[in-house]
PDB file of N, CA and C in Angstrom:
ATOM      1  N   UNK A   1     107.909  83.043  91.850  1.00  0.00           N
ATOM      2  CA  UNK A   1     107.065  82.346  92.934  1.00  0.00           C
ATOM      3  C   UNK A   1     107.682  82.287  94.082  1.00  0.00           C
ATOM      4  N   UNK A   2     107.292  82.716  94.981  1.00  0.00           N
ATOM      5  CA  UNK A   2     107.800  82.474  96.336  1.00  0.00           C
ATOM      6  C   UNK A   2     106.716  81.901  97.568  1.00  0.00           C
ATOM      7  N   UNK A   3     107.005  80.579  97.339  1.00  0.00           N
ATOM      8  CA  UNK A   3     105.982  79.669  98.060  1.00  0.00           C
ATOM      9  C   UNK A   3     104.809  79.706  97.109  1.00  0.00           C
ATOM     10  N   UNK A   4     103.720  79.674  97.350  1.00  0.00           N
ATOM     11  CA  UNK A   4     102.788  79.422  96.127  1.00  0.00           C
ATOM     12  C   UNK A   4     101.861  80.954  95.731  1.00  0.00           C
ATOM     13  N   UNK A   5     102.679  82.039  96.233  1.00  0.00           N
ATOM     14  CA  UNK A   5     102.363  83.504  95.643  1.00  0.00           C
ATOM     15  C   UNK A   5     103.454  83.675  94.838  1.00  0.00           C
ATOM     16  N   UNK A   6     103.241  84.630  93.629  1.00  0.00           N
ATOM     17  CA  UNK A   6     103.772  85.491  92.730  1.00  0.00           C
ATOM     18  C   UNK A   6     104.073  86.915  93.572  1.00  0.00           C
ATOM     19  N   UNK A   7     105.240  87.159  93.498  1.00  0.00           N
ATOM     20  CA  UNK A   7     105.566  88.156  94.064  1.00  0.00           C
ATOM     21  C   UNK A   7     106.320  88.845  93.092  1.00  0.00           C
ATOM     22  N   UNK A   8     105.793  90.489  92.760  1.00  0.00           N
ATOM     23  CA  UNK A   8     106.611  91.290  91.932  1.00  0.00           C
ATOM     24  C   UNK A   8     107.725  92.168  93.001  1.00  0.00           C
ATOM     25  N   UNK A   9     108.585  92.426  92.550  1.00  0.00           N
ATOM     26  CA  UNK A   9     109.841  93.113  93.114  1.00  0.00           C
ATOM     27  C   UNK A   9     110.143  94.455  92.452  1.00  0.00           C
ATOM     28  N   UNK A  10     110.399  95.567  92.967  1.00  0.00           N
ATOM     29  CA  UNK A  10     110.688  96.772  92.643  1.00  0.00           C
ATOM     30  C   UNK A  10     111.665  97.100  93.229  1.00  0.00           C
ATOM     31  N   UNK A  11     113.211  97.428  92.723  1.00  0.00           N
ATOM     32  CA  UNK A  11     114.363  98.157  93.385  1.00  0.00           C
ATOM     33  C   UNK A  11     114.688  99.223  92.700  1.00  0.00           C
ATOM     34  N   UNK A  12     115.400  99.981  93.772  1.00  0.00           N
ATOM     35  CA  UNK A  12     115.998 101.227  92.875  1.00  0.00           C
ATOM     36  C   UNK A  12     117.545 100.814  93.110  1.00  0.00           C
ATOM     37  N   UNK A  13     118.535 100.936  92.430  1.00  0.00           N
ATOM     38  CA  UNK A  13     119.939 100.921  92.656  1.00  0.00           C
ATOM     39  C   UNK A  13     120.638 102.501  92.341  1.00  0.00           C
ATOM     40  N   UNK A  14     121.991 102.526  92.941  1.00  0.00           N
ATOM     41  CA  UNK A  14     122.538 103.490  92.975  1.00  0.00           C
ATOM     42  C   UNK A  14     123.951 102.874  91.884  1.00  0.00           C
ATOM     43  N   UNK A  15     123.972 103.557  90.908  1.00  0.00           N
ATOM     44  CA  UNK A  15     124.971 102.835  89.901  1.00  0.00           C
ATOM     45  C   UNK A  15     126.318 103.546  90.372  1.00  0.00           C
ATOM     46  N   UNK A  16     126.465 104.293  91.399  1.00  0.00           N
ATOM     47  CA  UNK A  16     127.973 104.769  91.590  1.00  0.00           C
ATOM     48  C   UNK A  16     128.414 103.282  92.750  1.00  0.00           C
ATOM     49  N   UNK A  17     128.067 103.173  93.629  1.00  0.00           N
ATOM     50  CA  UNK A  17     128.117 101.637  94.550  1.00  0.00           C
ATOM     51  C   UNK A  17     127.644 100.925  94.402  1.00  0.00           C
ATOM     52  N   UNK A  18     126.422 100.478  93.532  1.00  0.00           N
ATOM     53  CA  UNK A  18     125.686  99.287  93.464  1.00  0.00           C
ATOM     54  C   UNK A  18     125.027  98.815  94.913  1.00  0.00           C
ATOM     55  N   UNK A  19     124.755 100.374  95.432  1.00  0.00           N
ATOM     56  CA  UNK A  19     123.759  99.788  96.669  1.00  0.00           C
ATOM     57  C   UNK A  19     122.399 100.208  96.149  1.00  0.00           C
ATOM     58  N   UNK A  20     121.607  99.189  96.802  1.00  0.00           N
ATOM     59  CA  UNK A  20     120.258  99.256  96.626  1.00  0.00           C
ATOM     60  C   UNK A  20     119.680 100.026  97.661  1.00  0.00           C
ATOM     61  N   UNK A  21     119.054 101.479  97.179  1.00  0.00           N
ATOM     62  CA  UNK A  21     118.616 102.407  98.161  1.00  0.00           C
ATOM     63  C   UNK A  21     117.228 102.097  98.340  1.00  0.00           C
ATOM     64  N   UNK A  22     116.588 101.107  97.554  1.00  0.00           N
ATOM     65  CA  UNK A  22     115.293 100.731  98.003  1.00  0.00           C
ATOM     66  C   UNK A  22     114.381  99.744  97.347  1.00  0.00           C
ATOM     67  N   UNK A  23     113.654  99.228  98.240  1.00  0.00           N
ATOM     68  CA  UNK A  23     113.132  98.052  97.151  1.00  0.00           C
ATOM     69  C   UNK A  23     111.475  97.770  98.175  1.00  0.00           C
ATOM     70  N   UNK A  24     110.788  97.274  97.072  1.00  0.00           N
ATOM     71  CA  UNK A  24     109.238  96.899  97.655  1.00  0.00           C
ATOM     72  C   UNK A  24     108.820  95.752  97.059  1.00  0.00           C
ATOM     73  N   UNK A  25     108.070  95.114  97.601  1.00  0.00           N
ATOM     74  CA  UNK A  25     107.517  94.032  96.745  1.00  0.00           C
ATOM     75  C   UNK A  25     105.631  93.964  97.353  1.00  0.00           C
ATOM     76  N   UNK A  26     105.553  92.908  96.356  1.00  0.00           N
ATOM     77  CA  UNK A  26     103.685  93.431  96.405  1.00  0.00           C
ATOM     78  C   UNK A  26     103.178  92.081  95.304  1.00  0.00           C
ATOM     79  N   UNK A  27     101.800  91.605  95.829  1.00  0.00           N
ATOM     80  CA  UNK A  27     101.355  90.611  94.717  1.00  0.00           C
ATOM     81  C   UNK A  27     100.943  90.887  93.509  1.00  0.00           C
ATOM     82  N   UNK A  28     100.735  92.347  93.530  1.00  0.00           N
ATOM     83  CA  UNK A  28     100.554  92.792  92.229  1.00  0.00           C
ATOM     84  C   UNK A  28     101.515  93.739  91.620  1.00  0.00           C
ATOM     85  N   UNK A  29     101.635  93.722  90.141  1.00  0.00           N
ATOM     86  CA  UNK A  29     102.839  95.134  89.616  1.00  0.00           C
ATOM     87  C   UNK A  29     101.701  96.167  89.398  1.00  0.00           C
ATOM     88  N   UNK A  30     101.924  97.247  89.560  1.00  0.00           N
ATOM     89  CA  UNK A  30     101.296  98.445  89.048  1.00  0.00           C
ATOM     90  C   UNK A  30     102.110  99.735  89.714  1.00  0.00           C
ATOM     91  N   UNK A  31     101.723 101.030  89.258  1.00  0.00           N
ATOM     92  CA  UNK A  31     102.373 102.104  89.320  1.00  0.00           C
ATOM     93  C   UNK A  31     102.572 102.150  90.724  1.00  0.00           C
ATOM     94  N   UNK A  32     101.603 101.867  91.737  1.00  0.00           N
ATOM     95  CA  UNK A  32     101.830 102.523  92.980  1.00  0.00           C
ATOM     96  C   UNK A  32     102.896 101.710  93.958  1.00  0.00           C
ATOM     97  N   UNK A  33     103.402  99.843  93.427  1.00  0.00           N
ATOM     98  CA  UNK A  33     104.234  99.346  93.832  1.00  0.00           C
ATOM     99  C   UNK A  33     105.554 100.384  93.031  1.00  0.00           C
ATOM    100  N   UNK A  34     106.016 100.742  92.281  1.00  0.00           N
ATOM    101  CA  UNK A  34     106.881 101.597  91.824  1.00  0.00           C
ATOM    102  C   UNK A  34     107.465 102.806  92.477  1.00  0.00           C
ATOM    103  N   UNK A  35     106.343 103.597  92.632  1.00  0.00           N
ATOM    104  CA  UNK A  35     105.672 105.064  93.067  1.00  0.00           C
ATOM    105  C   UNK A  35     106.408 104.483  94.602  1.00  0.00           C
ATOM    106  N   UNK A  36     105.814 103.579  95.124  1.00  0.00           N
ATOM    107  CA  UNK A  36     106.303 103.219  96.773  1.00  0.00           C
ATOM    108  C   UNK A  36     107.622 103.827  96.747  1.00  0.00           C
ATOM    109  N   UNK A  37     108.220 102.781  95.679  1.00  0.00           N
ATOM    110  CA  UNK A  37     109.846 102.252  96.002  1.00  0.00           C
ATOM    111  C   UNK A  37     110.402 103.589  95.676  1.00  0.00           C
ATOM    112  N   UNK A  38     110.186 104.567  94.947  1.00  0.00           N
ATOM    113  CA  UNK A  38     110.634 105.538  94.276  1.00  0.00           C
ATOM    114  C   UNK A  38     110.738 106.910  95.518  1.00  0.00           C
ATOM    115  N   UNK A  39     109.265 106.984  96.389  1.00  0.00           N
ATOM    116  CA  UNK A  39     109.339 107.754  97.311  1.00  0.00           C
ATOM    117  C   UNK A  39     109.971 107.270  98.592  1.00  0.00           C
ATOM    118  N   UNK A  40     110.406 106.020  98.612  1.00  0.00           N
ATOM    119  CA  UNK A  40     111.068 105.673 100.026  1.00  0.00           C
ATOM    120  C   UNK A  40     112.860 106.114  99.680  1.00  0.00           C
ATOM    121  N   UNK A  41     113.154 105.884  98.118  1.00  0.00           N
ATOM    122  CA  UNK A  41     114.361 106.166  97.919  1.00  0.00           C
ATOM    123  C   UNK A  41     114.624 107.772  98.069  1.00  0.00           C
ATOM    124  N   UNK A  42     113.606 108.618  97.716  1.00  0.00           N
ATOM    125  CA  UNK A  42     113.502 109.800  97.980  1.00  0.00           C
ATOM    126  C   UNK A  42     113.389 110.390  99.473  1.00  0.00           C
ATOM    127  N   UNK A  43     113.224 109.433 100.237  1.00  0.00           N
ATOM    128  CA  UNK A  43     113.303 109.454 101.996  1.00  0.00           C
ATOM    129  C   UNK A  43     114.642 109.074 102.272  1.00  0.00           C
ATOM    130  N   UNK A  44     115.159 108.542 101.527  1.00  0.00           N
ATOM    131  CA  UNK A  44     116.563 108.192 102.170  1.00  0.00           C
ATOM    132  C   UNK A  44     117.487 109.244 101.343  1.00  0.00           C
ATOM    133  N   UNK A  45     117.512 109.073 100.487  1.00  0.00           N
ATOM    134  CA  UNK A  45     118.694 110.083  99.685  1.00  0.00           C
ATOM    135  C   UNK A  45     118.301 111.237  98.712  1.00  0.00           C
ATOM    136  N   UNK A  46     118.697 112.333  98.930  1.00  0.00           N
ATOM    137  CA  UNK A  46     118.613 113.254  97.910  1.00  0.00           C
ATOM    138  C   UNK A  46     118.949 113.260  96.821  1.00  0.00           C
ATOM    139  N   UNK A  47     117.637 113.015  95.987  1.00  0.00           N
ATOM    140  CA  UNK A  47     117.606 112.224  94.580  1.00  0.00           C
ATOM    141  C   UNK A  47     117.612 113.682  93.254  1.00  0.00           C
ATOM    142  N   UNK A  48     117.716 114.747  93.848  1.00  0.00           N
ATOM    143  CA  UNK A  48     117.197 116.220  92.897  1.00  0.00           C
ATOM    144  C   UNK A  48     118.574 116.246  91.959  1.00  0.00           C
ATOM    145  N   UNK A  49     118.260 116.280  90.543  1.00  0.00           N
ATOM    146  CA  UNK A  49     118.542 116.209  89.173  1.00  0.00           C
ATOM    147  C   UNK A  49     119.147 114.784  88.959  1.00  0.00           C
ATOM    148  N   UNK A  50     118.700 113.578  89.350  1.00  0.00           N
ATOM    149  CA  UNK A  50     118.937 112.674  89.260  1.00  0.00           C
ATOM    150  C   UNK A  50     118.565 111.787  88.206  1.00  0.00           C
ATOM    151  N   UNK A  51     119.332 110.955  87.341  1.00  0.00           N
ATOM    152  CA  UNK A  51     118.609 110.063  86.223  1.00  0.00           C
ATOM    153  C   UNK A  51     118.137 108.672  86.958  1.00  0.00           C
ATOM    154  N   UNK A  52     116.705 108.518  86.318  1.00  0.00           N
ATOM    155  CA  UNK A  52     116.696 107.314  86.977  1.00  0.00           C
ATOM    156  C   UNK A  52     116.429 106.260  85.708  1.00  0.00           C
ATOM    157  N   UNK A  53     117.073 105.332  85.745  1.00  0.00           N
ATOM    158  CA  UNK A  53     117.045 104.159  84.533  1.00  0.00           C
ATOM    159  C   UNK A  53     115.992 103.663  84.485  1.00  0.00           C
ATOM    160  N   UNK A  54     114.967 103.091  83.679  1.00  0.00           N
ATOM    161  CA  UNK A  54     114.106 102.058  83.631  1.00  0.00           C
ATOM    162  C   UNK A  54     113.907 101.217  82.339  1.00  0.00           C
ATOM    163  N   UNK A  55     113.252  99.949  82.130  1.00  0.00           N
ATOM    164  CA  UNK A  55     112.652  99.587  81.149  1.00  0.00           C
ATOM    165  C   UNK A  55     111.357 100.487  80.988  1.00  0.00           C
ATOM    166  N   UNK A  56     110.827  99.713  79.582  1.00  0.00           N
ATOM    167  CA  UNK A  56     109.584 100.276  79.191  1.00  0.00           C
ATOM    168  C   UNK A  56     108.201  99.808  79.559  1.00  0.00           C
ATOM    169  N   UNK A  57     108.393  99.584  81.182  1.00  0.00           N
ATOM    170  CA  UNK A  57     107.108  98.784  81.181  1.00  0.00           C
ATOM    171  C   UNK A  57     106.023  99.739  81.367  1.00  0.00           C
ATOM    172  N   UNK A  58     104.845  99.304  81.489  1.00  0.00           N
ATOM    173  CA  UNK A  58     103.701 100.328  81.763  1.00  0.00           C
ATOM    174  C   UNK A  58     103.745 101.042  82.631  1.00  0.00           C
ATOM    175  N   UNK A  59     104.570 100.496  84.273  1.00  0.00           N
ATOM    176  CA  UNK A  59     104.546 101.219  85.083  1.00  0.00           C
ATOM    177  C   UNK A  59     105.662 102.503  85.222  1.00  0.00           C
ATOM    178  N   UNK A  60     106.495 102.026  84.329  1.00  0.00           N
ATOM    179  CA  UNK A  60     107.441 103.200  84.076  1.00  0.00           C
ATOM    180  C   UNK A  60     106.947 104.483  83.392  1.00  0.00           C
ATOM    181  N   UNK A  61     105.947 103.844  82.311  1.00  0.00           N
ATOM    182  CA  UNK A  61     105.726 104.906  80.981  1.00  0.00           C
ATOM    183  C   UNK A  61     104.383 105.343  81.352  1.00  0.00           C
ATOM    184  N   UNK A  62     103.750 104.972  82.588  1.00  0.00           N
ATOM    185  CA  UNK A  62     102.492 105.394  83.002  1.00  0.00           C
ATOM    186  C   UNK A  62     102.770 107.134  83.254  1.00  0.00           C
ATOM    187  N   UNK A  63     101.764 108.190  82.934  1.00  0.00           N
ATOM    188  CA  UNK A  63     101.435 109.297  83.259  1.00  0.00           C
ATOM    189  C   UNK A  63     101.720 109.542  84.762  1.00  0.00           C
ATOM    190  N   UNK A  64     101.270 108.875  85.602  1.00  0.00           N
ATOM    191  CA  UNK A  64     101.669 109.063  87.176  1.00  0.00           C
ATOM    192  C   UNK A  64     102.911 108.608  87.613  1.00  0.00           C
ATOM    193  N   UNK A  65     103.712 107.925  86.925  1.00  0.00           N
ATOM    194  CA  UNK A  65     104.810 107.733  87.376  1.00  0.00           C
ATOM    195  C   UNK A  65     105.621 108.958  86.799  1.00  0.00           C
ATOM    196  N   UNK A  66     105.616 109.418  85.468  1.00  0.00           N
ATOM    197  CA  UNK A  66     106.386 110.235  85.168  1.00  0.00           C
ATOM    198  C   UNK A  66     106.017 111.976  85.373  1.00  0.00           C
ATOM    199  N   UNK A  67     104.708 111.931  86.032  1.00  0.00           N
ATOM    200  CA  UNK A  67     104.578 113.581  86.359  1.00  0.00           C
ATOM    201  C   UNK A  67     105.085 113.509  87.946  1.00  0.00           C
ATOM    202  N   UNK A  68     105.091 112.253  88.724  1.00  0.00           N
ATOM    203  CA  UNK A  68     105.700 112.235  90.013  1.00  0.00           C
ATOM    204  C   UNK A  68     107.395 112.476  90.144  1.00  0.00           C
ATOM    205  N   UNK A  69     107.533 111.707  89.252  1.00  0.00           N
ATOM    206  CA  UNK A  69     109.246 111.534  89.004  1.00  0.00           C
ATOM    207  C   UNK A  69     110.293 113.326  88.366  1.00  0.00           C
ATOM    208  N   UNK A  70     109.290 114.032  87.653  1.00  0.00           N
ATOM    209  CA  UNK A  70     109.209 114.987  87.163  1.00  0.00           C
ATOM    210  C   UNK A  70     109.204 116.476  88.400  1.00  0.00           C
ATOM    211  N   UNK A  71     107.958 116.146  89.073  1.00  0.00           N
ATOM    212  CA  UNK A  71     107.835 116.712  89.970  1.00  0.00           C
ATOM    213  C   UNK A  71     108.897 116.868  91.199  1.00  0.00           C
ATOM    214  N   UNK A  72     109.642 115.906  91.181  1.00  0.00           N
ATOM    215  CA  UNK A  72     110.745 115.580  92.191  1.00  0.00           C
ATOM    216  C   UNK A  72     112.270 115.919  91.533  1.00  0.00           C
ATOM    217  N   UNK A  73     112.002 116.775  90.121  1.00  0.00           N
ATOM    218  CA  UNK A  73     113.223 116.810  89.736  1.00  0.00           C
ATOM    219  C   UNK A  73     114.045 115.571  88.827  1.00  0.00           C
ATOM    220  N   UNK A  74     113.209 114.700  89.027  1.00  0.00           N
ATOM    221  CA  UNK A  74     114.358 113.257  88.681  1.00  0.00           C
ATOM    222  C   UNK A  74     113.909 113.085  87.302  1.00  0.00           C
ATOM    223  N   UNK A  75     115.058 112.866  86.387  1.00  0.00           N
ATOM    224  CA  UNK A  75     115.135 112.465  84.712  1.00  0.00           C
ATOM    225  C   UNK A  75     115.026 111.190  84.633  1.00  0.00           C
ATOM    226  N   UNK A  76     114.137 110.860  84.226  1.00  0.00           N
ATOM    227  CA  UNK A  76     113.723 109.517  83.669  1.00  0.00           C
ATOM    228  C   UNK A  76     114.270 109.151  82.330  1.00  0.00           C
ATOM    229  N   UNK A  77     115.005 107.828  81.846  1.00  0.00           N
ATOM    230  CA  UNK A  77     115.652 107.385  80.942  1.00  0.00           C
ATOM    231  C   UNK A  77     115.067 105.881  80.823  1.00  0.00           C
ATOM    232  N   UNK A  78     114.376 105.719  79.801  1.00  0.00           N
ATOM    233  CA  UNK A  78     114.028 104.624  79.365  1.00  0.00           C
ATOM    234  C   UNK A  78     115.194 103.619  78.405  1.00  0.00           C
ATOM    235  N   UNK A  79     115.196 102.571  78.791  1.00  0.00           N
ATOM    236  CA  UNK A  79     115.866 101.350  77.801  1.00  0.00           C
ATOM    237  C   UNK A  79     115.203 100.832  76.528  1.00  0.00           C
ATOM    238  N   UNK A  80     116.090 100.805  75.380  1.00  0.00           N
ATOM    239  CA  UNK A  80     115.726 100.573  74.511  1.00  0.00           C
ATOM    240  C   UNK A  80     114.977  99.293  74.508  1.00  0.00           C
ATOM    241  N   UNK A  81     113.563  99.269  73.728  1.00  0.00           N
ATOM    242  CA  UNK A  81     112.697  98.289  73.622  1.00  0.00           C
ATOM    243  C   UNK A  81     113.311  96.616  73.582  1.00  0.00           C
ATOM    244  N   UNK A  82     113.337  95.922  74.518  1.00  0.00           N
ATOM    245  CA  UNK A  82     114.145  94.466  74.062  1.00  0.00           C
ATOM    246  C   UNK A  82     115.481  94.634  74.203  1.00  0.00           C
ATOM    247  N   UNK A  83     116.413  95.813  75.089  1.00  0.00           N
ATOM    248  CA  UNK A  83     117.629  95.587  75.487  1.00  0.00           C
ATOM    249  C   UNK A  83     117.861  95.813  76.577  1.00  0.00           C
ATOM    250  N   UNK A  84     118.058  94.305  77.373  1.00  0.00           N
ATOM    251  CA  UNK A  84     118.252  94.176  78.804  1.00  0.00           C
ATOM    252  C   UNK A  84     119.420  95.129  78.963  1.00  0.00           C
ATOM    253  N   UNK A  85     120.474  95.099  78.049  1.00  0.00           N
ATOM    254  CA  UNK A  85     121.702  95.921  78.377  1.00  0.00           C
ATOM    255  C   UNK A  85     122.265  97.246  78.547  1.00  0.00           C
ATOM    256  N   UNK A  86     120.988  97.942  78.005  1.00  0.00           N
ATOM    257  CA  UNK A  86     120.729  99.372  78.715  1.00  0.00           C
ATOM    258  C   UNK A  86     120.417  99.476  80.007  1.00  0.00           C
ATOM    259  N   UNK A  87     120.103  98.326  80.836  1.00  0.00           N
ATOM    260  CA  UNK A  87     119.496  98.537  82.476  1.00  0.00           C
ATOM    261  C   UNK A  87     120.158  97.264  82.906  1.00  0.00           C
ATOM    262  N   UNK A  88     121.878  96.970  82.433  1.00  0.00           N
ATOM    263  CA  UNK A  88     122.669  95.629  83.033  1.00  0.00           C
ATOM    264  C   UNK A  88     122.733  96.294  84.643  1.00  0.00           C
ATOM    265  N   UNK A  89     123.075  97.367  85.506  1.00  0.00           N
ATOM    266  CA  UNK A  89     123.195  97.173  86.602  1.00  0.00           C
ATOM    267  C   UNK A  89     122.134  96.471  87.405  1.00  0.00           C
ATOM    268  N   UNK A  90     121.182  96.721  87.345  1.00  0.00           N
ATOM    269  CA  UNK A  90     119.537  96.663  87.584  1.00  0.00           C
ATOM    270  C   UNK A  90     119.171  95.141  87.493  1.00  0.00           C
ATOM    271  N   UNK A  91     119.285  95.076  85.755  1.00  0.00           N
ATOM    272  CA  UNK A  91     119.202  93.450  85.718  1.00  0.00           C
ATOM    273  C   UNK A  91     120.265  92.347  85.938  1.00  0.00           C
ATOM    274  N   UNK A  92     121.595  92.518  85.933  1.00  0.00           N
ATOM    275  CA  UNK A  92     122.268  91.744  86.838  1.00  0.00           C
ATOM    276  C   UNK A  92     121.813  91.596  88.191  1.00  0.00           C
ATOM    277  N   UNK A  93     121.603  92.242  88.988  1.00  0.00           N
ATOM    278  CA  UNK A  93     120.933  91.986  90.237  1.00  0.00           C
ATOM    279  C   UNK A  93     119.601  91.688  90.618  1.00  0.00           C
ATOM    280  N   UNK A  94     118.496  91.881  89.766  1.00  0.00           N
ATOM    281  CA  UNK A  94     117.659  90.825  89.648  1.00  0.00           C
ATOM    282  C   UNK A  94     118.029  89.603  89.543  1.00  0.00           C
ATOM    283  N   UNK A  95     118.765  88.957  88.273  1.00  0.00           N
ATOM    284  CA  UNK A  95     119.373  87.518  88.203  1.00  0.00           C
ATOM    285  C   UNK A  95     119.881  87.401  89.390  1.00  0.00           C
ATOM    286  N   UNK A  96     120.595  87.842  89.885  1.00  0.00           N
ATOM    287  CA  UNK A  96     121.447  86.788  91.128  1.00  0.00           C
ATOM    288  C   UNK A  96     120.706  86.937  92.225  1.00  0.00           C
ATOM    289  N   UNK A  97     119.725  87.658  92.308  1.00  0.00           N
ATOM    290  CA  UNK A  97     118.469  87.666  93.514  1.00  0.00           C
ATOM    291  C   UNK A  97     117.768  86.346  93.350  1.00  0.00           C
ATOM    292  N   UNK A  98     117.693  86.347  91.990  1.00  0.00           N
ATOM    293  CA  UNK A  98     116.303  84.972  91.417  1.00  0.00           C
ATOM    294  C   UNK A  98     117.387  83.826  91.868  1.00  0.00           C
ATOM    295  N   UNK A  99     118.169  83.844  91.343  1.00  0.00           N
ATOM    296  CA  UNK A  99     119.153  82.537  91.240  1.00  0.00           C
ATOM    297  C   UNK A  99     119.920  82.332  92.659  1.00  0.00           C
ATOM    298  N   UNK A 100     120.500  83.137  93.625  1.00  0.00           N
ATOM    299  CA  UNK A 100     120.920  82.697  94.287  1.00  0.00           C
ATOM    300  C   UNK A 100     120.087  83.046  95.816  1.00  0.00           C
ATOM    301  N   UNK A 101     118.931  83.410  95.637  1.00  0.00           N
ATOM    302  CA  UNK A 101     117.831  83.801  96.566  1.00  0.00           C
ATOM    303  C   UNK A 101     116.672  82.530  96.145  1.00  0.00           C
ATOM    304  N   UNK A 102     115.626  83.422  95.648  1.00  0.00           N
ATOM    305  CA  UNK A 102     114.931  82.559  95.136  1.00  0.00           C
ATOM    306  C   UNK A 102     114.944  81.084  94.731  1.00  0.00           C
ATOM    307  N   UNK A 103     115.203  80.834  93.718  1.00  0.00           N
ATOM    308  CA  UNK A 103     115.793  79.425  93.123  1.00  0.00           C
ATOM    309  C   UNK A 103     116.259  78.429  94.257  1.00  0.00           C
ATOM    310  N   UNK A 104     117.482  79.045  94.872  1.00  0.00           N
ATOM    311  CA  UNK A 104     118.171  78.220  95.358  1.00  0.00           C
ATOM    312  C   UNK A 104     117.335  77.556  96.643  1.00  0.00           C
ATOM    313  N   UNK A 105     116.455  78.487  97.103  1.00  0.00           N
ATOM    314  CA  UNK A 105     115.723  78.374  98.400  1.00  0.00           C
ATOM    315  C   UNK A 105     114.898  77.528  97.501  1.00  0.00           C
ATOM    316  N   UNK A 106     113.974  77.245  96.596  1.00  0.00           N
ATOM    317  CA  UNK A 106     113.218  76.288  96.117  1.00  0.00           C
ATOM    318  C   UNK A 106     114.067  74.842  96.040  1.00  0.00           C
ATOM    319  N   UNK A 107     115.245  74.983  95.442  1.00  0.00           N
ATOM    320  CA  UNK A 107     115.669  73.942  95.460  1.00  0.00           C
ATOM    321  C   UNK A 107     115.745  73.027  96.849  1.00  0.00           C
ATOM    322  N   UNK A 108     116.131  74.120  97.766  1.00  0.00           N
ATOM    323  CA  UNK A 108     116.802  73.571  99.304  1.00  0.00           C
ATOM    324  C   UNK A 108     115.345  72.675  99.581  1.00  0.00           C
ATOM    325  N   UNK A 109     114.430  73.466  99.699  1.00  0.00           N
ATOM    326  CA  UNK A 109     112.819  73.134 100.119  1.00  0.00           C
ATOM    327  C   UNK A 109     112.229  71.771  99.289  1.00  0.00           C
ATOM    328  N   UNK A 110     113.037  71.643  97.836  1.00  0.00           N
ATOM    329  CA  UNK A 110     112.447  70.057  97.550  1.00  0.00           C
ATOM    330  C   UNK A 110     113.640  69.353  97.907  1.00  0.00           C
ATOM    331  N   UNK A 111     114.503  69.701  97.850  1.00  0.00           N
ATOM    332  CA  UNK A 111     115.862  68.508  98.493  1.00  0.00           C
ATOM    333  C   UNK A 111     115.211  68.259 100.038  1.00  0.00           C
ATOM    334  N   UNK A 112     114.949  68.747 100.879  1.00  0.00           N
ATOM    335  CA  UNK A 112     114.206  68.867 102.362  1.00  0.00           C
ATOM    336  C   UNK A 112     112.916  67.978 102.181  1.00  0.00           C
ATOM    337  N   UNK A 113     112.211  67.901 101.406  1.00  0.00           N
ATOM    338  CA  UNK A 113     110.734  67.041 101.160  1.00  0.00           C
ATOM    339  C   UNK A 113     111.214  65.944 100.539  1.00  0.00           C
ATOM    340  N   UNK A 114     112.245  65.580  99.892  1.00  0.00           N
ATOM    341  CA  UNK A 114     112.532  64.259  99.417  1.00  0.00           C
ATOM    342  C   UNK A 114     112.587  63.018 100.699  1.00  0.00           C
TER     343      UNK A 114
END
């Protein structure tokens, strides 16, 4: 939740240097969100023969996403079902973003309202 809205965050992190290559937010989690994130990453970086790790969410397993990635020379790699450790790098980033960004902001706003 951000304010009164639920926002979905899609991001791509470089496993070499932990840099966020691209990110997008949207009010719905759909294939367009992850495709837009991937397209932005491709504009910024030469990602030919790159391995893109993700979870097994329906947006990543969709035919549209898989086809686009293959056309761009990207090899997709999926984590095992229910195993966040396979995707630890991005899972850790998202955890820090939530705890240091969104949750801390909500606590700060709550304290100001008292």
